[in-house]
Protein backbone atom coordinates (compact mmCIF):
# COMPACT_ATOMS: atom_id res chain seq x y z
CA UNK A 1 0.88 5.47 -3.42
CA UNK A 2 3.57 5.97 -6.03
CA UNK A 3 3.99 9.18 -8.00
CA UNK A 4 5.61 9.79 -11.34
CA UNK A 5 8.17 12.48 -10.54
CA UNK A 6 10.63 13.91 -13.00
CA UNK A 7 14.26 12.82 -12.75
CA UNK A 8 15.31 16.30 -11.60
CA UNK A 9 12.68 16.30 -8.86
CA UNK A 10 13.78 12.88 -7.63
CA UNK A 11 17.40 13.99 -7.62
CA UNK A 12 16.46 17.06 -5.57
CA UNK A 13 14.36 15.07 -3.09
CA UNK A 14 16.90 12.30 -2.55
CA UNK A 15 19.98 14.55 -2.54
CA UNK A 16 21.72 15.59 0.67
CA UNK A 17 21.67 19.19 -0.59
CA UNK A 18 19.83 20.80 -3.47
CA UNK A 19 19.30 24.15 -5.08
CA UNK A 20 15.80 23.20 -6.24
CA UNK A 21 12.84 25.12 -4.86
CA UNK A 22 9.46 23.39 -4.73
CA UNK A 23 6.37 25.63 -4.84
CA UNK A 24 2.74 24.97 -4.04
CA UNK A 25 0.09 26.25 -6.44
CA UNK A 26 -3.54 26.57 -5.33
CA UNK A 27 -6.45 26.93 -7.73
CA UNK A 28 -9.78 27.82 -6.11
CA UNK A 29 -12.64 27.42 -8.57
CA UNK A 30 -16.43 27.54 -8.58
CA UNK A 31 -19.07 27.79 -11.31
CA UNK A 32 -20.23 31.13 -9.89
CA UNK A 33 -16.74 32.70 -10.08
CA UNK A 34 -15.85 34.55 -13.28
CA UNK A 35 -12.20 33.44 -13.00
CA UNK A 36 -10.56 30.86 -10.73
CA UNK A 37 -8.39 32.25 -7.95
CA UNK A 38 -4.80 31.14 -8.46
CA UNK A 39 -2.19 31.67 -5.74
CA UNK A 40 1.33 30.39 -5.18
CA UNK A 41 3.57 29.95 -2.17
CA UNK A 42 6.39 32.03 -3.65
CA UNK A 43 7.18 35.67 -2.91
CA UNK A 44 6.64 36.61 -6.58
CA UNK A 45 3.96 35.77 -9.11
CA UNK A 46 4.54 32.56 -11.11
CA UNK A 47 3.35 31.74 -14.62
CA UNK A 48 2.66 28.02 -14.99
CA UNK A 49 1.06 26.57 -18.14
CA UNK A 50 0.02 30.07 -19.27
CA UNK A 51 -1.84 30.78 -15.99
CA UNK A 52 -0.57 33.43 -13.57
CA UNK A 53 -0.50 32.42 -9.91
CA UNK A 54 -0.41 35.44 -7.59
CA UNK A 55 2.00 35.50 -4.67
CA UNK A 56 -0.20 35.16 -1.58
CA UNK A 57 1.15 34.02 1.77
CA UNK A 58 -0.76 30.89 2.79
CA UNK A 59 -0.28 27.80 4.89
CA UNK A 60 -1.53 24.26 4.53
CA UNK A 61 -1.93 22.06 7.58
CA UNK A 62 -2.09 18.46 6.48
CA UNK A 63 -4.32 15.94 8.27
CA UNK A 64 -3.03 13.58 10.92
CA UNK A 65 -2.00 10.14 9.76
CA UNK A 66 -4.60 8.15 11.67
CA UNK A 67 -7.60 5.96 10.93
CA UNK A 68 -10.19 8.73 10.57
CA UNK A 69 -12.48 7.89 7.67
CA UNK A 70 -12.52 11.48 6.41
CA UNK A 71 -9.25 13.32 7.05
CA UNK A 72 -9.30 17.09 6.80
CA UNK A 73 -6.58 19.52 5.90
CA UNK A 74 -6.67 23.18 6.89
CA UNK A 75 -5.99 26.10 4.54
CA UNK A 76 -5.16 29.57 5.80
CA UNK A 77 -4.57 32.45 3.36
CA UNK A 78 -3.51 35.96 4.32
CA UNK A 79 -6.28 38.43 3.51
CA UNK A 80 -4.00 40.80 1.61
CA UNK A 81 -6.30 42.46 -0.93
CA UNK A 82 -9.78 41.18 -0.01
CA UNK A 83 -10.14 39.31 -3.33
CA UNK A 84 -10.69 35.97 -1.62
CA UNK A 85 -13.25 37.33 0.88
CA UNK A 86 -15.21 38.88 -1.99
CA UNK A 87 -15.17 35.53 -3.81
CA UNK A 88 -16.27 33.59 -0.70
CA UNK A 89 -19.16 36.00 -0.18
CA UNK A 90 -20.28 35.75 -3.80
CA UNK A 91 -20.70 31.96 -4.05
CA UNK A 92 -23.48 29.79 -2.65
CA UNK A 93 -21.65 26.48 -2.12
CA UNK A 94 -18.17 25.16 -1.35
CA UNK A 95 -15.54 25.95 -3.99
CA UNK A 96 -13.19 23.32 -5.36
CA UNK A 97 -9.47 23.46 -4.56
CA UNK A 98 -6.66 22.00 -6.65
CA UNK A 99 -3.23 21.71 -5.02
CA UNK A 100 -0.21 21.31 -7.29
CA UNK A 101 3.50 21.06 -6.54
CA UNK A 102 6.01 22.36 -9.07
CA UNK A 103 9.72 23.13 -9.23
CA UNK A 104 10.52 26.85 -9.56
CA UNK A 105 13.09 26.03 -12.26
CA UNK A 106 10.40 24.38 -14.42
CA UNK A 107 6.98 25.80 -13.50
CA UNK A 108 5.19 24.15 -16.43
CA UNK A 109 5.84 20.64 -15.11
CA UNK A 110 3.50 19.57 -12.31
CA UNK A 111 5.34 17.15 -10.05
CA UNK A 112 2.31 16.24 -7.91
CA UNK A 113 -1.36 17.14 -8.07
CA UNK A 114 -4.12 16.75 -5.47
CA UNK A 115 -7.61 17.38 -6.81
CA UNK A 116 -11.21 17.03 -5.61
CA UNK A 117 -10.85 19.07 -2.42
CA UNK A 118 -13.71 21.28 -1.28
CA UNK A 119 -13.12 24.39 0.84
CA UNK A 120 -15.67 24.20 3.66
CA UNK A 121 -16.31 25.92 6.99
CA UNK A 122 -14.73 29.15 5.73
CA UNK A 123 -14.15 31.90 8.26
CA UNK A 124 -12.46 35.23 7.69
CA UNK A 125 -11.43 38.40 9.43
CA UNK A 126 -9.32 41.40 8.46
CA UNK A 127 -6.12 39.31 8.50
CA UNK A 128 -6.86 35.75 7.33
CA UNK A 129 -9.26 33.54 5.39
CA UNK A 130 -9.37 30.00 6.79
CA UNK A 131 -11.24 26.84 5.94
CA UNK A 132 -11.15 23.06 5.91
CA UNK A 133 -10.11 21.12 2.83
CA UNK A 134 -12.29 18.04 2.65
CA UNK A 135 -12.90 15.22 0.21
CA UNK A 136 -16.33 13.68 -0.16
CA UNK A 137 -16.64 10.70 2.16
CA UNK A 138 -18.06 7.85 0.11
CA UNK A 139 -17.85 5.44 3.05
CA UNK A 140 -20.95 7.05 4.55
CA UNK A 141 -23.09 6.42 1.47
CA UNK A 142 -25.83 3.81 1.89
CA UNK A 143 -25.36 0.54 0.08
CA UNK A 144 -27.28 -0.67 -1.76
CA UNK A 145 -28.86 2.61 -2.81
CA UNK A 146 -32.37 1.17 -3.15
CA UNK A 147 -34.31 -1.28 -1.03
CA UNK A 148 -35.46 -4.44 -2.75
CA UNK A 149 -39.21 -4.20 -2.36
CA UNK A 150 -42.03 -5.60 -4.53
CA UNK A 151 -42.91 -2.10 -5.71
CA UNK A 152 -39.40 -1.36 -7.03
CA UNK A 153 -38.32 -4.86 -8.09
CA UNK A 154 -41.43 -6.95 -8.92
CA UNK A 155 -39.40 -9.58 -10.77
CA UNK A 156 -37.72 -10.69 -7.53
CA UNK A 157 -40.99 -11.65 -5.85
């Protein structure tokens, strides 16, 4: 799948050496949360498009590149100030996660965006909050959605 990257990002990616720093921004949102949780992979807070992303150590484990119909990524965030645990306890369903990649030199330009993830199977302890990042698997949906019976489709019979 092709991506529309800025010229500076392409130059940094294809160059043998670069001074560019790419950062990952996470936005965890849910209708029951007053404010989305925004964290970044940098050591300092970042302001991107007028939103402040707090510096939280986290790691993303991407799914294997195999033929599984529903690949899963793994998100692990350090439980630094208990804000994320409080949010996980306060909601009744899986929150949405938006992953964005930016350049530190130009934080208002999103180089890549990955939406529609859900944070499921969340576990936490005093050190870490972990969960799976999943995308809804539409391949398991029944097709067609209705059965063609005389009661539902009398014109066919």
